[in-house]
Amino acid sequence: MFPQSATPGEEPAKTRIKNNPDGSAVIYHGFPAMNNPTTSEPAWAIRQTKVSPDGTEIDQAWANGNRDKTCVFDQRESYKYKTI
């Protein structure tokens, strides 16, 4: 069985922002595979958006290089992100 994947236009259920000392930020958007999973369950696709200090979006990538809803949102900073 194939995992569910995030679809274009799907709205994230969770958003977390990490502000960096240089004024840049990293935004994590979580897309759940089911209704109301906990953030510790492997049921999320995670999109990472990097923003420059002036507010310009500079990069958007997905955990593990795909939109599969198999990641743990609480571990979002530990994944490798790739643009797809």
N, C-alpha and C. Protein backbone atom coordinates (compact mmCIF):
# COMPACT_ATOMS: atom_id res chain seq x y z
N MET A 1 0.84 -1.18 0.00
CA MET A 1 0.00 0.00 0.00
C MET A 1 0.88 1.25 0.00
N PHE A 2 0.54 2.21 -0.82
CA PHE A 2 1.29 3.45 -0.92
C PHE A 2 0.83 4.44 0.13
N PRO A 3 1.75 5.24 0.68
CA PRO A 3 1.34 6.25 1.67
C PRO A 3 0.56 7.38 1.01
N GLN A 4 -0.29 8.04 1.79
CA GLN A 4 -0.98 9.22 1.31
C GLN A 4 0.05 10.31 1.06
N SER A 5 -0.25 11.20 0.13
CA SER A 5 0.64 12.31 -0.16
C SER A 5 -0.13 13.62 -0.07
N ALA A 6 0.58 14.69 0.28
CA ALA A 6 -0.01 16.02 0.28
C ALA A 6 -0.33 16.40 -1.16
N THR A 7 -1.44 17.08 -1.37
CA THR A 7 -1.86 17.45 -2.71
C THR A 7 -1.75 18.96 -2.91
N PRO A 8 -1.54 19.40 -4.14
CA PRO A 8 -1.48 20.84 -4.40
C PRO A 8 -2.77 21.51 -3.93
N GLY A 9 -2.63 22.62 -3.27
CA GLY A 9 -3.79 23.35 -2.77
C GLY A 9 -4.27 22.92 -1.39
N GLU A 10 -3.73 21.82 -0.88
CA GLU A 10 -4.12 21.35 0.45
C GLU A 10 -3.60 22.33 1.51
N GLU A 11 -4.43 22.63 2.47
CA GLU A 11 -4.06 23.55 3.55
C GLU A 11 -3.36 22.80 4.68
N PRO A 12 -2.29 23.36 5.23
CA PRO A 12 -1.61 22.69 6.36
C PRO A 12 -2.46 22.74 7.62
N ALA A 13 -2.31 21.72 8.46
CA ALA A 13 -3.03 21.68 9.73
C ALA A 13 -2.16 22.23 10.86
N LYS A 14 -0.86 22.23 10.68
CA LYS A 14 0.08 22.74 11.69
C LYS A 14 1.10 23.63 11.00
N THR A 15 1.47 24.70 11.68
CA THR A 15 2.53 25.59 11.20
C THR A 15 3.40 25.98 12.39
N ARG A 16 4.70 25.87 12.21
CA ARG A 16 5.65 26.29 13.23
C ARG A 16 6.71 27.16 12.56
N ILE A 17 7.12 28.21 13.25
CA ILE A 17 8.11 29.14 12.71
C ILE A 17 9.33 29.15 13.62
N LYS A 18 10.49 28.99 13.01
CA LYS A 18 11.76 29.09 13.74
C LYS A 18 12.45 30.37 13.26
N ASN A 19 12.57 31.35 14.15
CA ASN A 19 13.25 32.61 13.83
C ASN A 19 14.73 32.49 14.16
N ASN A 20 15.55 32.88 13.22
CA ASN A 20 17.00 32.80 13.39
C ASN A 20 17.57 34.16 13.83
N PRO A 21 18.72 34.15 14.51
CA PRO A 21 19.31 35.40 15.00
C PRO A 21 19.59 36.44 13.91
N ASP A 22 19.83 35.98 12.67
CA ASP A 22 20.13 36.92 11.59
C ASP A 22 18.89 37.56 10.98
N GLY A 23 17.72 37.22 11.52
CA GLY A 23 16.47 37.78 11.00
C GLY A 23 15.78 36.91 9.98
N SER A 24 16.46 35.85 9.52
CA SER A 24 15.82 34.91 8.61
C SER A 24 14.90 33.98 9.42
N ALA A 25 14.10 33.22 8.73
CA ALA A 25 13.18 32.30 9.41
C ALA A 25 13.01 31.02 8.59
N VAL A 26 12.61 29.98 9.27
CA VAL A 26 12.24 28.73 8.63
C VAL A 26 10.82 28.42 9.09
N ILE A 27 9.95 28.19 8.13
CA ILE A 27 8.54 27.90 8.43
C ILE A 27 8.29 26.44 8.06
N TYR A 28 7.69 25.71 8.99
CA TYR A 28 7.34 24.31 8.76
C TYR A 28 5.83 24.19 8.71
N HIS A 29 5.32 23.59 7.62
CA HIS A 29 3.90 23.35 7.46
C HIS A 29 3.66 21.85 7.49
N GLY A 30 2.73 21.40 8.32
CA GLY A 30 2.42 19.98 8.43
C GLY A 30 1.08 19.64 7.82
N PHE A 31 1.07 18.59 7.00
CA PHE A 31 -0.13 18.11 6.33
C PHE A 31 -0.42 16.69 6.83
N PRO A 32 -1.49 16.50 7.62
CA PRO A 32 -1.75 15.20 8.24
C PRO A 32 -2.38 14.19 7.29
N ALA A 33 -2.11 12.91 7.56
CA ALA A 33 -2.68 11.81 6.77
C ALA A 33 -4.09 11.47 7.21
N MET A 34 -4.46 11.87 8.41
CA MET A 34 -5.77 11.52 8.95
C MET A 34 -6.25 12.68 9.81
N ASN A 35 -7.47 12.60 10.24
CA ASN A 35 -8.01 13.66 11.10
C ASN A 35 -7.36 13.62 12.47
N ASN A 36 -6.81 14.76 12.87
CA ASN A 36 -6.28 14.98 14.21
C ASN A 36 -5.22 13.98 14.68
N PRO A 37 -4.20 13.67 13.87
CA PRO A 37 -3.14 12.82 14.42
C PRO A 37 -2.32 13.64 15.42
N THR A 38 -1.67 12.97 16.33
CA THR A 38 -0.77 13.70 17.22
C THR A 38 0.48 14.07 16.42
N THR A 39 1.19 15.07 16.89
CA THR A 39 2.40 15.49 16.18
C THR A 39 3.54 14.51 16.38
N SER A 40 3.34 13.48 17.22
CA SER A 40 4.37 12.46 17.43
C SER A 40 4.11 11.20 16.59
N GLU A 41 3.05 11.19 15.80
CA GLU A 41 2.73 10.04 14.94
C GLU A 41 3.37 10.22 13.56
N PRO A 42 3.81 9.13 12.93
CA PRO A 42 4.39 9.23 11.59
C PRO A 42 3.29 9.35 10.53
N ALA A 43 2.60 10.48 10.54
CA ALA A 43 1.42 10.67 9.69
C ALA A 43 1.38 12.05 9.06
N TRP A 44 2.56 12.60 8.75
CA TRP A 44 2.63 13.97 8.27
C TRP A 44 3.52 14.11 7.03
N ALA A 45 3.09 14.94 6.10
CA ALA A 45 3.98 15.48 5.07
C ALA A 45 4.40 16.84 5.61
N ILE A 46 5.68 17.19 5.47
CA ILE A 46 6.17 18.45 6.05
C ILE A 46 6.86 19.27 4.96
N ARG A 47 6.36 20.49 4.78
CA ARG A 47 6.98 21.43 3.84
C ARG A 47 7.75 22.48 4.62
N GLN A 48 8.96 22.73 4.20
CA GLN A 48 9.82 23.72 4.85
C GLN A 48 9.98 24.91 3.89
N THR A 49 9.76 26.11 4.42
CA THR A 49 9.95 27.33 3.63
C THR A 49 11.00 28.17 4.35
N LYS A 50 12.04 28.55 3.63
CA LYS A 50 13.07 29.43 4.19
C LYS A 50 12.77 30.85 3.71
N VAL A 51 12.89 31.80 4.65
CA VAL A 51 12.59 33.19 4.37
C VAL A 51 13.81 34.03 4.76
N SER A 52 14.20 34.93 3.87
CA SER A 52 15.37 35.79 4.13
C SER A 52 15.01 36.87 5.15
N PRO A 53 16.00 37.56 5.71
CA PRO A 53 15.74 38.61 6.69
C PRO A 53 14.81 39.72 6.17
N ASP A 54 14.81 39.96 4.86
CA ASP A 54 13.93 41.00 4.32
C ASP A 54 12.52 40.50 4.03
N GLY A 55 12.25 39.22 4.35
CA GLY A 55 10.91 38.66 4.17
C GLY A 55 10.67 37.96 2.85
N THR A 56 11.71 37.87 2.02
CA THR A 56 11.59 37.20 0.73
C THR A 56 11.71 35.69 0.91
N GLU A 57 10.76 34.95 0.32
CA GLU A 57 10.85 33.49 0.35
C GLU A 57 12.01 33.08 -0.55
N ILE A 58 12.93 32.28 -0.01
CA ILE A 58 14.10 31.91 -0.79
C ILE A 58 14.18 30.43 -1.13
N ASP A 59 13.39 29.60 -0.46
CA ASP A 59 13.46 28.17 -0.74
C ASP A 59 12.24 27.48 -0.17
N GLN A 60 11.74 26.49 -0.90
CA GLN A 60 10.64 25.67 -0.39
C GLN A 60 10.96 24.22 -0.74
N ALA A 61 10.91 23.35 0.27
CA ALA A 61 11.30 21.96 0.08
C ALA A 61 10.44 21.06 0.97
N TRP A 62 10.51 19.76 0.71
CA TRP A 62 9.71 18.77 1.44
C TRP A 62 10.61 17.80 2.19
N ALA A 63 10.18 17.40 3.38
CA ALA A 63 10.91 16.41 4.18
C ALA A 63 11.08 15.13 3.38
N ASN A 64 12.27 14.59 3.40
CA ASN A 64 12.63 13.36 2.69
C ASN A 64 12.48 13.50 1.18
N GLY A 65 12.30 14.72 0.68
CA GLY A 65 12.20 14.93 -0.76
C GLY A 65 10.91 14.47 -1.39
N ASN A 66 9.85 14.31 -0.57
CA ASN A 66 8.56 13.90 -1.14
C ASN A 66 7.41 14.45 -0.30
N ARG A 67 6.21 14.29 -0.80
CA ARG A 67 5.00 14.77 -0.11
C ARG A 67 4.29 13.66 0.68
N ASP A 68 4.96 12.52 0.84
CA ASP A 68 4.35 11.40 1.56
C ASP A 68 4.08 11.77 3.01
N LYS A 69 2.96 11.33 3.50
CA LYS A 69 2.54 11.63 4.87
C LYS A 69 3.02 10.54 5.82
N THR A 70 4.35 10.47 5.96
CA THR A 70 4.97 9.42 6.77
C THR A 70 5.95 9.98 7.81
N CYS A 71 6.01 11.30 7.94
CA CYS A 71 6.97 11.93 8.87
C CYS A 71 6.32 12.23 10.22
N VAL A 72 7.15 12.45 11.21
CA VAL A 72 6.71 12.85 12.55
C VAL A 72 6.92 14.36 12.66
N PHE A 73 5.83 15.10 12.84
CA PHE A 73 5.93 16.57 12.85
C PHE A 73 6.86 17.07 13.95
N ASP A 74 6.86 16.42 15.10
CA ASP A 74 7.73 16.83 16.20
C ASP A 74 9.21 16.71 15.86
N GLN A 75 9.54 15.93 14.86
CA GLN A 75 10.94 15.73 14.45
C GLN A 75 11.28 16.53 13.18
N ARG A 76 10.49 17.54 12.87
CA ARG A 76 10.61 18.28 11.61
C ARG A 76 11.99 18.86 11.34
N GLU A 77 12.71 19.26 12.37
CA GLU A 77 14.03 19.86 12.15
C GLU A 77 15.11 18.83 11.84
N SER A 78 14.83 17.55 12.07
CA SER A 78 15.85 16.52 11.85
C SER A 78 15.83 15.93 10.44
N TYR A 79 14.81 16.22 9.65
CA TYR A 79 14.71 15.64 8.30
C TYR A 79 15.60 16.39 7.30
N LYS A 80 15.97 15.68 6.25
CA LYS A 80 16.64 16.31 5.12
C LYS A 80 15.53 16.79 4.18
N TYR A 81 15.65 17.99 3.70
CA TYR A 81 14.63 18.59 2.83
C TYR A 81 15.17 18.75 1.42
N LYS A 82 14.29 18.44 0.44
CA LYS A 82 14.65 18.59 -0.96
C LYS A 82 13.49 19.24 -1.70
N THR A 83 13.86 20.06 -2.68
CA THR A 83 12.87 20.68 -3.54
C THR A 83 12.33 19.63 -4.49
N ILE A 84 11.01 19.63 -4.69
CA ILE A 84 10.42 18.69 -5.66
C ILE A 84 9.55 19.44 -6.64
